[in-house]
Amino acid sequence: MTLHTRLTTLLGIQHPIIQGGMAWTATARLAGAVSNAGGLGVIGAGHMPTDSLRDEIRNAKAITSKPFGVNLMLLTPHIDEIVQLVLDEHVPVVTTGAGNPGKYMPALKEAGIKVIPIVPSVALARRMESIGADALIGEGMEAGGHIGELTTMVLTPQLVDAVEVPVVAAGGIADGRGVVAALSLGAEGVQVGTRFMCAEECTIHPAVKEAVLKAKDRDTVVTGRSTGHPVRVLKNKLARQIMELDSQNRPEEIEALGAGKLALAMREGDIQMGSLMAGQAAAMVCRIEPAADIIAEMMGDAETLLRGLAARVGA
């Protein structure tokens, strides 16, 4: 059994798995490995300088001949340059977050680039579909990093009912059971972030990978609620300081304290004062392994589960 959906057809990929475009985490090496394994690898642009992102895109092209994407954080100060780079380099797919891609949609679509916004609500999903989104990633609050208020379990079917384009479920998905659950809710694919943090090809600091591997079910917290942009992270000293500032409603101090802390964790390995963005699925990640093995296991388990369900229903 091979799981073909509208998403796999749209993107020209083998498996309905998109790798999360995590800033300071999802580099060309990881994206290329995921794409070579049949998923859609995604480079996390974040606030990356334009020249650095150009290098990453070209490195990805050297690693894989298969489709890959770039995640655009639309609040990046030099986002106009980033979008032009994506156009110049003929990147096949972009996922977008932290803003509205409407300004860039005509140019991206004219270039044949598939645009897949990340959405936390039905209202935003409908808006993105109306401006030409090719698919939508519905991200539940189980996810790491910036989150909305709805869980994946309730957001996914509401999005499926609200739009005509394919919906991708994200947040809390780390194994074949999550894939089957997402498909059962009407999604046509999944986005996986936290598990790929422990892929061999992920270049984050080994100390961060170890923190993910040690995480238990209640080891993530949501910080920065008072800023209006809550973030899910693994508990550490920085998270405790931000939660204390949250309790005092001091968003400006939170913004100042958090500046640069994601890179401090992912690149320098400071697991106490760095921002350890990871989802609740961290507790389900138990080993470091190649990205290809992650995808093969997830899809193999999903197909086994679906065959078992089909047999039981048929009986």
C-alpha atoms as a PDB file:
ATOM      1  CA  MET A   1       0.000   0.000   0.000  1.00  0.00           C
ATOM      2  CA  THR A   2       1.312   3.434  -0.947  1.00  0.00           C
ATOM      3  CA  LEU A   3      -0.433   6.501   0.384  1.00  0.00           C
ATOM      4  CA  HIS A   4      -1.140   8.728  -2.599  1.00  0.00           C
ATOM      5  CA  THR A   5      -3.160  11.872  -1.901  1.00  0.00           C
ATOM      6  CA  ARG A   6      -3.839  15.158  -3.634  1.00  0.00           C
ATOM      7  CA  LEU A   7      -0.843  16.522  -1.727  1.00  0.00           C
ATOM      8  CA  THR A   8       1.610  13.980  -3.150  1.00  0.00           C
ATOM      9  CA  THR A   9       0.298  14.705  -6.642  1.00  0.00           C
ATOM     10  CA  LEU A  10       0.429  18.478  -6.137  1.00  0.00           C
ATOM     11  CA  LEU A  11       4.030  18.448  -4.915  1.00  0.00           C
ATOM     12  CA  GLY A  12       5.378  15.534  -6.938  1.00  0.00           C
ATOM     13  CA  ILE A  13       6.479  13.600  -3.856  1.00  0.00           C
ATOM     14  CA  GLN A  14       6.233   9.952  -2.876  1.00  0.00           C
ATOM     15  CA  HIS A  15       5.000  10.252   0.699  1.00  0.00           C
ATOM     16  CA  PRO A  16       2.526  12.773   2.194  1.00  0.00           C
ATOM     17  CA  ILE A  17       5.083  14.136   4.668  1.00  0.00           C
ATOM     18  CA  ILE A  18       6.310  17.726   4.783  1.00  0.00           C
ATOM     19  CA  GLN A  19       9.289  18.442   7.021  1.00  0.00           C
ATOM     20  CA  GLY A  20       8.747  21.519   9.166  1.00  0.00           C
ATOM     21  CA  GLY A  21      10.721  24.576   8.037  1.00  0.00           C
ATOM     22  CA  MET A  22      12.257  25.265  11.445  1.00  0.00           C
ATOM     23  CA  ALA A  23      14.467  28.368  11.661  1.00  0.00           C
ATOM     24  CA  TRP A  24      18.086  27.692  12.678  1.00  0.00           C
ATOM     25  CA  THR A  25      17.253  23.981  12.438  1.00  0.00           C
ATOM     26  CA  ALA A  26      16.071  23.007   8.957  1.00  0.00           C
ATOM     27  CA  THR A  27      19.098  23.438   6.711  1.00  0.00           C
ATOM     28  CA  ALA A  28      19.798  22.194   3.197  1.00  0.00           C
ATOM     29  CA  ARG A  29      21.325  19.017   4.562  1.00  0.00           C
ATOM     30  CA  LEU A  30      18.119  18.020   6.356  1.00  0.00           C
ATOM     31  CA  ALA A  31      15.799  19.241   3.603  1.00  0.00           C
ATOM     32  CA  GLY A  32      17.750  17.381   0.941  1.00  0.00           C
ATOM     33  CA  ALA A  33      17.716  14.156   2.948  1.00  0.00           C
ATOM     34  CA  VAL A  34      13.956  14.362   3.515  1.00  0.00           C
ATOM     35  CA  SER A  35      13.292  15.043  -0.166  1.00  0.00           C
ATOM     36  CA  ASN A  36      15.548  12.181  -1.227  1.00  0.00           C
ATOM     37  CA  ALA A  37      13.535   9.917   1.084  1.00  0.00           C
ATOM     38  CA  GLY A  38      10.289  10.813  -0.675  1.00  0.00           C
ATOM     39  CA  GLY A  39       8.940  13.593   1.535  1.00  0.00           C
ATOM     40  CA  LEU A  40       9.144  17.343   1.022  1.00  0.00           C
ATOM     41  CA  GLY A  41      12.204  18.800   2.688  1.00  0.00           C
ATOM     42  CA  VAL A  42      11.936  22.458   3.675  1.00  0.00           C
ATOM     43  CA  ILE A  43      14.704  24.956   4.448  1.00  0.00           C
ATOM     44  CA  GLY A  44      13.828  27.295   7.305  1.00  0.00           C
ATOM     45  CA  ALA A  45      14.694  30.800   6.118  1.00  0.00           C
ATOM     46  CA  GLY A  46      13.857  32.568   9.389  1.00  0.00           C
ATOM     47  CA  HIS A  47      15.930  35.754   9.604  1.00  0.00           C
ATOM     48  CA  MET A  48      18.744  34.196   7.560  1.00  0.00           C
ATOM     49  CA  PRO A  49      20.762  36.694   5.495  1.00  0.00           C
ATOM     50  CA  THR A  50      19.871  36.552   1.812  1.00  0.00           C
ATOM     51  CA  ASP A  51      23.320  35.359   0.731  1.00  0.00           C
ATOM     52  CA  SER A  52      23.272  32.583   3.320  1.00  0.00           C
ATOM     53  CA  LEU A  53      19.872  31.404   2.162  1.00  0.00           C
ATOM     54  CA  ARG A  54      21.080  31.418  -1.441  1.00  0.00           C
ATOM     55  CA  ASP A  55      23.884  29.085  -0.390  1.00  0.00           C
ATOM     56  CA  GLU A  56      21.422  26.822   1.412  1.00  0.00           C
ATOM     57  CA  ILE A  57      19.111  26.630  -1.605  1.00  0.00           C
ATOM     58  CA  ARG A  58      21.978  25.797  -3.923  1.00  0.00           C
ATOM     59  CA  ASN A  59      23.287  23.211  -1.460  1.00  0.00           C
ATOM     60  CA  ALA A  60      19.857  21.588  -1.428  1.00  0.00           C
ATOM     61  CA  LYS A  61      19.875  21.439  -5.230  1.00  0.00           C
ATOM     62  CA  ALA A  62      23.250  19.703  -5.056  1.00  0.00           C
ATOM     63  CA  ILE A  63      21.926  17.148  -2.562  1.00  0.00           C
ATOM     64  CA  THR A  64      18.618  16.321  -4.230  1.00  0.00           C
ATOM     65  CA  SER A  65      17.012  16.474  -7.656  1.00  0.00           C
ATOM     66  CA  LYS A  66      13.582  16.089  -6.060  1.00  0.00           C
ATOM     67  CA  PRO A  67      11.208  18.874  -4.995  1.00  0.00           C
ATOM     68  CA  PHE A  68      12.034  20.824  -1.849  1.00  0.00           C
ATOM     69  CA  GLY A  69      10.752  24.013  -0.282  1.00  0.00           C
ATOM     70  CA  VAL A  70      11.659  27.123   1.689  1.00  0.00           C
ATOM     71  CA  ASN A  71       9.706  28.347   4.685  1.00  0.00           C
ATOM     72  CA  LEU A  72       9.220  32.115   4.571  1.00  0.00           C
ATOM     73  CA  MET A  73       8.767  33.958   7.855  1.00  0.00           C
ATOM     74  CA  LEU A  74       6.897  36.956   6.511  1.00  0.00           C
ATOM     75  CA  LEU A  75       7.788  39.279   9.399  1.00  0.00           C
ATOM     76  CA  THR A  76      11.476  39.060   8.478  1.00  0.00           C
ATOM     77  CA  PRO A  77      12.711  42.631   7.841  1.00  0.00           C
ATOM     78  CA  HIS A  78      14.273  41.714   4.480  1.00  0.00           C
ATOM     79  CA  ILE A  79      11.429  39.464   3.319  1.00  0.00           C
ATOM     80  CA  ASP A  80      11.211  41.267  -0.056  1.00  0.00           C
ATOM     81  CA  GLU A  81      14.784  40.173  -0.812  1.00  0.00           C
ATOM     82  CA  ILE A  82      14.048  36.622   0.366  1.00  0.00           C
ATOM     83  CA  VAL A  83      11.011  36.298  -1.889  1.00  0.00           C
ATOM     84  CA  GLN A  84      12.978  37.612  -4.866  1.00  0.00           C
ATOM     85  CA  LEU A  85      15.691  35.052  -4.123  1.00  0.00           C
ATOM     86  CA  VAL A  86      13.113  32.239  -4.068  1.00  0.00           C
ATOM     87  CA  LEU A  87      11.853  33.453  -7.439  1.00  0.00           C
ATOM     88  CA  ASP A  88      15.350  33.756  -8.899  1.00  0.00           C
ATOM     89  CA  GLU A  89      16.337  30.280  -7.707  1.00  0.00           C
ATOM     90  CA  HIS A  90      13.101  28.658  -8.925  1.00  0.00           C
ATOM     91  CA  VAL A  91      12.355  27.007  -5.592  1.00  0.00           C
ATOM     92  CA  PRO A  92       9.459  24.577  -6.236  1.00  0.00           C
ATOM     93  CA  VAL A  93       7.482  25.145  -3.017  1.00  0.00           C
ATOM     94  CA  VAL A  94       7.205  27.722  -0.262  1.00  0.00           C
ATOM     95  CA  THR A  95       5.473  27.409   3.060  1.00  0.00           C
ATOM     96  CA  THR A  96       4.665  30.655   4.850  1.00  0.00           C
ATOM     97  CA  GLY A  97       4.106  31.788   8.396  1.00  0.00           C
ATOM     98  CA  ALA A  98       4.056  34.885  10.598  1.00  0.00           C
ATOM     99  CA  GLY A  99       2.131  37.051   8.179  1.00  0.00           C
ATOM    100  CA  ASN A 100       0.011  37.236   5.045  1.00  0.00           C
ATOM    101  CA  PRO A 101       1.676  36.183   1.759  1.00  0.00           C
ATOM    102  CA  GLY A 102      -0.914  38.055  -0.326  1.00  0.00           C
ATOM    103  CA  LYS A 103       1.566  40.724  -1.438  1.00  0.00           C
ATOM    104  CA  TYR A 104       3.807  38.067  -2.968  1.00  0.00           C
ATOM    105  CA  MET A 105       1.215  35.595  -4.190  1.00  0.00           C
ATOM    106  CA  PRO A 106       0.904  36.845  -7.821  1.00  0.00           C
ATOM    107  CA  ALA A 107       4.649  36.667  -8.458  1.00  0.00           C
ATOM    108  CA  LEU A 108       5.012  33.285  -6.759  1.00  0.00           C
ATOM    109  CA  LYS A 109       2.091  31.769  -8.652  1.00  0.00           C
ATOM    110  CA  GLU A 110       3.246  33.248 -11.960  1.00  0.00           C
ATOM    111  CA  ALA A 111       6.607  31.545 -11.387  1.00  0.00           C
ATOM    112  CA  GLY A 112       4.869  28.210 -10.851  1.00  0.00           C
ATOM    113  CA  ILE A 113       5.804  28.021  -7.181  1.00  0.00           C
ATOM    114  CA  LYS A 114       3.397  26.108  -4.961  1.00  0.00           C
ATOM    115  CA  VAL A 115       2.388  28.237  -1.948  1.00  0.00           C
ATOM    116  CA  ILE A 116       1.311  26.518   1.268  1.00  0.00           C
ATOM    117  CA  PRO A 117       0.554  28.882   4.178  1.00  0.00           C
ATOM    118  CA  ILE A 118       0.568  27.685   7.772  1.00  0.00           C
ATOM    119  CA  VAL A 119      -2.734  28.558   9.456  1.00  0.00           C
ATOM    120  CA  PRO A 120      -4.018  28.225  13.053  1.00  0.00           C
ATOM    121  CA  SER A 121      -7.690  28.986  12.357  1.00  0.00           C
ATOM    122  CA  VAL A 122     -10.555  28.508   9.914  1.00  0.00           C
ATOM    123  CA  ALA A 123     -10.876  32.241   9.208  1.00  0.00           C
ATOM    124  CA  LEU A 124      -7.253  32.538   8.129  1.00  0.00           C
ATOM    125  CA  ALA A 125      -7.499  29.331   6.102  1.00  0.00           C
ATOM    126  CA  ARG A 126     -10.407  30.702   4.101  1.00  0.00           C
ATOM    127  CA  ARG A 127      -8.549  33.945   3.502  1.00  0.00           C
ATOM    128  CA  MET A 128      -5.449  32.105   2.281  1.00  0.00           C
ATOM    129  CA  GLU A 129      -7.503  29.919  -0.055  1.00  0.00           C
ATOM    130  CA  SER A 130      -9.205  33.015  -1.477  1.00  0.00           C
ATOM    131  CA  ILE A 131      -5.860  34.548  -2.473  1.00  0.00           C
ATOM    132  CA  GLY A 132      -4.640  31.408  -4.227  1.00  0.00           C
ATOM    133  CA  ALA A 133      -3.007  29.062  -1.716  1.00  0.00           C
ATOM    134  CA  ASP A 134      -2.361  25.644  -3.271  1.00  0.00           C
ATOM    135  CA  ALA A 135      -2.739  23.807   0.055  1.00  0.00           C
ATOM    136  CA  LEU A 136      -2.845  24.701   3.748  1.00  0.00           C
ATOM    137  CA  ILE A 137      -0.934  23.495   6.789  1.00  0.00           C
ATOM    138  CA  GLY A 138      -3.223  23.502   9.820  1.00  0.00           C
ATOM    139  CA  GLU A 139      -0.937  23.747  12.828  1.00  0.00           C
ATOM    140  CA  GLY A 140      -2.278  22.824  16.251  1.00  0.00           C
ATOM    141  CA  MET A 141      -0.980  24.106  19.560  1.00  0.00           C
ATOM    142  CA  GLU A 142       0.890  20.840  20.182  1.00  0.00           C
ATOM    143  CA  ALA A 143       3.556  22.071  17.762  1.00  0.00           C
ATOM    144  CA  GLY A 144       6.851  23.634  18.746  1.00  0.00           C
ATOM    145  CA  GLY A 145       7.595  27.302  18.176  1.00  0.00           C
ATOM    146  CA  HIS A 146       4.881  29.875  17.513  1.00  0.00           C
ATOM    147  CA  ILE A 147       1.418  28.393  18.034  1.00  0.00           C
ATOM    148  CA  GLY A 148      -2.282  29.183  17.902  1.00  0.00           C
ATOM    149  CA  GLU A 149      -5.038  28.220  20.336  1.00  0.00           C
ATOM    150  CA  LEU A 150      -6.642  25.132  18.761  1.00  0.00           C
ATOM    151  CA  THR A 151      -5.420  21.558  18.960  1.00  0.00           C
ATOM    152  CA  THR A 152      -4.589  19.553  15.858  1.00  0.00           C
ATOM    153  CA  MET A 153      -7.428  17.143  16.623  1.00  0.00           C
ATOM    154  CA  VAL A 154     -10.124  19.828  16.400  1.00  0.00           C
ATOM    155  CA  LEU A 155      -8.485  22.201  13.906  1.00  0.00           C
ATOM    156  CA  THR A 156      -7.868  19.653  11.152  1.00  0.00           C
ATOM    157  CA  PRO A 157     -11.458  18.525  10.450  1.00  0.00           C
ATOM    158  CA  GLN A 158     -12.744  22.086  10.646  1.00  0.00           C
ATOM    159  CA  LEU A 159     -10.226  23.165   8.011  1.00  0.00           C
ATOM    160  CA  VAL A 160     -11.123  20.195   5.822  1.00  0.00           C
ATOM    161  CA  ASP A 161     -14.792  21.215   5.999  1.00  0.00           C
ATOM    162  CA  ALA A 162     -14.030  24.882   5.315  1.00  0.00           C
ATOM    163  CA  VAL A 163     -11.749  24.772   2.249  1.00  0.00           C
ATOM    164  CA  GLU A 164     -11.406  22.892  -1.020  1.00  0.00           C
ATOM    165  CA  VAL A 165      -7.601  22.761  -1.233  1.00  0.00           C
ATOM    166  CA  PRO A 166      -5.639  19.931   0.443  1.00  0.00           C
ATOM    167  CA  VAL A 167      -5.116  20.289   4.185  1.00  0.00           C
ATOM    168  CA  VAL A 168      -1.917  19.166   5.907  1.00  0.00           C
ATOM    169  CA  ALA A 169      -2.109  18.416   9.636  1.00  0.00           C
ATOM    170  CA  ALA A 170       0.709  19.632  11.875  1.00  0.00           C
ATOM    171  CA  GLY A 171       1.377  19.541  15.598  1.00  0.00           C
ATOM    172  CA  GLY A 172       1.940  16.454  17.733  1.00  0.00           C
ATOM    173  CA  ILE A 173       2.622  14.084  14.827  1.00  0.00           C
ATOM    174  CA  ALA A 174       5.724  11.924  15.144  1.00  0.00           C
ATOM    175  CA  ASP A 175       4.824   8.388  14.071  1.00  0.00           C
ATOM    176  CA  GLY A 176       2.591   6.288  11.841  1.00  0.00           C
ATOM    177  CA  ARG A 177      -0.308   6.551  14.256  1.00  0.00           C
ATOM    178  CA  GLY A 178      -0.273  10.309  13.838  1.00  0.00           C
ATOM    179  CA  VAL A 179      -0.300   9.946  10.059  1.00  0.00           C
ATOM    180  CA  VAL A 180      -3.336   7.640  10.187  1.00  0.00           C
ATOM    181  CA  ALA A 181      -5.111   9.928  12.650  1.00  0.00           C
ATOM    182  CA  ALA A 182      -4.522  12.934  10.385  1.00  0.00           C
ATOM    183  CA  LEU A 183      -5.814  11.079   7.334  1.00  0.00           C
ATOM    184  CA  SER A 184      -8.866   9.965   9.321  1.00  0.00           C
ATOM    185  CA  LEU A 185      -9.606  13.611  10.112  1.00  0.00           C
ATOM    186  CA  GLY A 186      -9.580  14.430   6.410  1.00  0.00           C
ATOM    187  CA  ALA A 187      -6.025  15.722   6.030  1.00  0.00           C
ATOM    188  CA  GLU A 188      -4.087  14.697   2.937  1.00  0.00           C
ATOM    189  CA  GLY A 189      -0.677  14.866   4.533  1.00  0.00           C
ATOM    190  CA  VAL A 190       1.238  15.758   7.671  1.00  0.00           C
ATOM    191  CA  GLN A 191       3.942  18.202   8.624  1.00  0.00           C
ATOM    192  CA  VAL A 192       6.549  16.848  11.023  1.00  0.00           C
ATOM    193  CA  GLY A 193       9.008  19.063  12.856  1.00  0.00           C
ATOM    194  CA  THR A 194      10.175  17.869  16.246  1.00  0.00           C
ATOM    195  CA  ARG A 195      11.018  14.324  15.222  1.00  0.00           C
ATOM    196  CA  PHE A 196      13.233  15.592  12.419  1.00  0.00           C
ATOM    197  CA  MET A 197      15.230  17.575  14.989  1.00  0.00           C
ATOM    198  CA  CYS A 198      16.771  14.221  15.876  1.00  0.00           C
ATOM    199  CA  ALA A 199      17.513  13.202  12.298  1.00  0.00           C
ATOM    200  CA  GLU A 200      21.205  12.529  11.720  1.00  0.00           C
ATOM    201  CA  GLU A 201      21.186  15.156   8.978  1.00  0.00           C
ATOM    202  CA  CYS A 202      19.788  17.866  11.257  1.00  0.00           C
ATOM    203  CA  THR A 203      22.675  20.194  12.099  1.00  0.00           C
ATOM    204  CA  ILE A 204      21.447  21.579  15.420  1.00  0.00           C
ATOM    205  CA  HIS A 205      23.764  21.278  18.413  1.00  0.00           C
ATOM    206  CA  PRO A 206      23.989  17.755  19.897  1.00  0.00           C
ATOM    207  CA  ALA A 207      22.993  19.143  23.311  1.00  0.00           C
ATOM    208  CA  VAL A 208      19.616  20.173  21.886  1.00  0.00           C
ATOM    209  CA  LYS A 209      19.058  16.749  20.381  1.00  0.00           C
ATOM    210  CA  GLU A 210      19.838  15.227  23.762  1.00  0.00           C
ATOM    211  CA  ALA A 211      17.314  17.548  25.417  1.00  0.00           C
ATOM    212  CA  VAL A 212      14.644  16.382  22.970  1.00  0.00           C
ATOM    213  CA  LEU A 213      15.491  12.734  23.599  1.00  0.00           C
ATOM    214  CA  LYS A 214      15.216  13.238  27.372  1.00  0.00           C
ATOM    215  CA  ALA A 215      11.882  15.082  27.179  1.00  0.00           C
ATOM    216  CA  LYS A 216       8.863  13.606  28.951  1.00  0.00           C
ATOM    217  CA  ASP A 217       5.181  14.213  28.291  1.00  0.00           C
ATOM    218  CA  ARG A 218       4.936  17.423  30.359  1.00  0.00           C
ATOM    219  CA  ASP A 219       8.326  18.903  29.523  1.00  0.00           C
ATOM    220  CA  THR A 220       7.128  21.563  27.082  1.00  0.00           C
ATOM    221  CA  VAL A 221       5.538  24.837  28.128  1.00  0.00           C
ATOM    222  CA  VAL A 222       3.940  27.778  26.322  1.00  0.00           C
ATOM    223  CA  THR A 223       5.766  31.054  26.863  1.00  0.00           C
ATOM    224  CA  GLY A 224       5.201  34.651  25.785  1.00  0.00           C
ATOM    225  CA  ARG A 225       1.419  34.676  25.935  1.00  0.00           C
ATOM    226  CA  SER A 226       1.423  38.331  27.019  1.00  0.00           C
ATOM    227  CA  THR A 227       3.204  39.297  23.783  1.00  0.00           C
ATOM    228  CA  GLY A 228       0.356  37.940  21.670  1.00  0.00           C
ATOM    229  CA  HIS A 229       2.766  35.514  20.014  1.00  0.00           C
ATOM    230  CA  PRO A 230       2.962  32.437  22.265  1.00  0.00           C
ATOM    231  CA  VAL A 231       5.779  29.974  21.744  1.00  0.00           C
ATOM    232  CA  ARG A 232       6.038  26.316  22.809  1.00  0.00           C
ATOM    233  CA  VAL A 233       9.467  25.314  24.108  1.00  0.00           C
ATOM    234  CA  LEU A 234      11.132  22.737  26.311  1.00  0.00           C
ATOM    235  CA  LYS A 235      11.364  23.847  29.932  1.00  0.00           C
ATOM    236  CA  ASN A 236      14.634  25.512  30.917  1.00  0.00           C
ATOM    237  CA  LYS A 237      15.913  28.595  32.725  1.00  0.00           C
ATOM    238  CA  LEU A 238      14.940  30.964  29.898  1.00  0.00           C
ATOM    239  CA  ALA A 239      11.410  29.552  29.766  1.00  0.00           C
ATOM    240  CA  ARG A 240      10.983  30.053  33.516  1.00  0.00           C
ATOM    241  CA  GLN A 241      12.180  33.664  33.272  1.00  0.00           C
ATOM    242  CA  ILE A 242       9.780  34.390  30.404  1.00  0.00           C
ATOM    243  CA  MET A 243       6.853  32.790  32.228  1.00  0.00           C
ATOM    244  CA  GLU A 244       7.607  34.977  35.248  1.00  0.00           C
ATOM    245  CA  LEU A 245       7.557  38.070  33.034  1.00  0.00           C
ATOM    246  CA  ASP A 246       4.322  36.769  31.484  1.00  0.00           C
ATOM    247  CA  SER A 247       2.733  36.616  34.923  1.00  0.00           C
ATOM    248  CA  GLN A 248       3.647  40.285  35.380  1.00  0.00           C
ATOM    249  CA  ASN A 249       2.390  41.246  31.904  1.00  0.00           C
ATOM    250  CA  ARG A 250       5.734  42.626  30.726  1.00  0.00           C
ATOM    251  CA  PRO A 251       5.746  41.804  26.988  1.00  0.00           C
ATOM    252  CA  GLU A 252       8.421  44.331  26.013  1.00  0.00           C
ATOM    253  CA  GLU A 253      10.902  42.739  28.402  1.00  0.00           C
ATOM    254  CA  ILE A 254      10.011  39.299  27.060  1.00  0.00           C
ATOM    255  CA  GLU A 255      10.744  40.432  23.507  1.00  0.00           C
ATOM    256  CA  ALA A 256      14.121  41.812  24.582  1.00  0.00           C
ATOM    257  CA  LEU A 257      15.003  38.735  26.601  1.00  0.00           C
ATOM    258  CA  GLY A 258      14.062  36.358  23.783  1.00  0.00           C
ATOM    259  CA  ALA A 259      16.030  38.099  21.034  1.00  0.00           C
ATOM    260  CA  GLY A 260      18.633  35.786  19.525  1.00  0.00           C
ATOM    261  CA  LYS A 261      17.849  32.941  21.889  1.00  0.00           C
ATOM    262  CA  LEU A 262      16.777  30.430  19.236  1.00  0.00           C
ATOM    263  CA  ALA A 263      20.165  30.599  17.538  1.00  0.00           C
ATOM    264  CA  LEU A 264      21.842  30.461  20.954  1.00  0.00           C
ATOM    265  CA  ALA A 265      20.236  27.072  21.523  1.00  0.00           C
ATOM    266  CA  MET A 266      20.272  25.488  18.100  1.00  0.00           C
ATOM    267  CA  ARG A 267      23.704  26.653  16.934  1.00  0.00           C
ATOM    268  CA  GLU A 268      25.643  27.152  20.183  1.00  0.00           C
ATOM    269  CA  GLY A 269      24.004  24.490  22.343  1.00  0.00           C
ATOM    270  CA  ASP A 270      23.021  26.646  25.308  1.00  0.00           C
ATOM    271  CA  ILE A 271      20.160  24.534  26.645  1.00  0.00           C
ATOM    272  CA  GLN A 272      19.548  26.745  29.679  1.00  0.00           C
ATOM    273  CA  MET A 273      19.343  30.247  28.216  1.00  0.00           C
ATOM    274  CA  GLY A 274      18.602  29.287  24.614  1.00  0.00           C
ATOM    275  CA  SER A 275      15.090  28.923  23.228  1.00  0.00           C
ATOM    276  CA  LEU A 276      14.451  25.187  22.902  1.00  0.00           C
ATOM    277  CA  MET A 277      11.545  25.334  20.461  1.00  0.00           C
ATOM    278  CA  ALA A 278      10.060  21.841  20.292  1.00  0.00           C
ATOM    279  CA  GLY A 279       6.590  20.344  20.278  1.00  0.00           C
ATOM    280  CA  GLN A 280       4.781  18.046  22.673  1.00  0.00           C
ATOM    281  CA  ALA A 281       5.776  15.139  20.426  1.00  0.00           C
ATOM    282  CA  ALA A 282       9.316  15.484  21.809  1.00  0.00           C
ATOM    283  CA  ALA A 283       8.344  12.850  24.372  1.00  0.00           C
ATOM    284  CA  MET A 284       7.790  10.429  21.479  1.00  0.00           C
ATOM    285  CA  VAL A 285      11.270  10.893  19.994  1.00  0.00           C
ATOM    286  CA  CYS A 286      13.609   8.238  21.319  1.00  0.00           C
ATOM    287  CA  ARG A 287      16.645   8.029  19.027  1.00  0.00           C
ATOM    288  CA  ILE A 288      18.828   9.811  16.509  1.00  0.00           C
ATOM    289  CA  GLU A 289      18.538   8.229  13.062  1.00  0.00           C
ATOM    290  CA  PRO A 290      18.684   9.103   9.363  1.00  0.00           C
ATOM    291  CA  ALA A 291      15.781  11.094   7.955  1.00  0.00           C
ATOM    292  CA  ALA A 292      15.114   8.267   5.493  1.00  0.00           C
ATOM    293  CA  ASP A 293      14.615   5.844   8.390  1.00  0.00           C
ATOM    294  CA  ILE A 294      12.179   8.237  10.078  1.00  0.00           C
ATOM    295  CA  ILE A 295      10.060   8.471   6.943  1.00  0.00           C
ATOM    296  CA  ALA A 296      10.245   4.747   6.202  1.00  0.00           C
ATOM    297  CA  GLU A 297       9.146   3.871   9.736  1.00  0.00           C
ATOM    298  CA  MET A 298       6.314   6.403   9.817  1.00  0.00           C
ATOM    299  CA  MET A 299       4.935   5.356   6.456  1.00  0.00           C
ATOM    300  CA  GLY A 300       5.435   1.646   7.056  1.00  0.00           C
ATOM    301  CA  ASP A 301       3.627   1.822  10.382  1.00  0.00           C
ATOM    302  CA  ALA A 302       0.844   3.931   8.866  1.00  0.00           C
ATOM    303  CA  GLU A 303       0.298   1.473   6.045  1.00  0.00           C
ATOM    304  CA  THR A 304       0.262  -1.468   8.470  1.00  0.00           C
ATOM    305  CA  LEU A 305      -2.304   0.288  10.632  1.00  0.00           C
ATOM    306  CA  LEU A 306      -4.502   1.106   7.651  1.00  0.00           C
ATOM    307  CA  ARG A 307      -4.406  -2.494   6.422  1.00  0.00           C
ATOM    308  CA  GLY A 308      -5.373  -3.660   9.912  1.00  0.00           C
ATOM    309  CA  LEU A 309      -8.245  -1.198  10.067  1.00  0.00           C
ATOM    310  CA  ALA A 310      -9.447  -2.206   6.621  1.00  0.00           C
ATOM    311  CA  ALA A 311      -9.391  -5.879   7.621  1.00  0.00           C
ATOM    312  CA  ARG A 312     -11.363  -5.211  10.787  1.00  0.00           C
ATOM    313  CA  VAL A 313     -13.955  -3.132   8.979  1.00  0.00           C
ATOM    314  CA  GLY A 314     -14.242  -5.766   6.249  1.00  0.00           C
ATOM    315  CA  ALA A 315     -14.784  -8.466   8.865  1.00  0.00           C
END
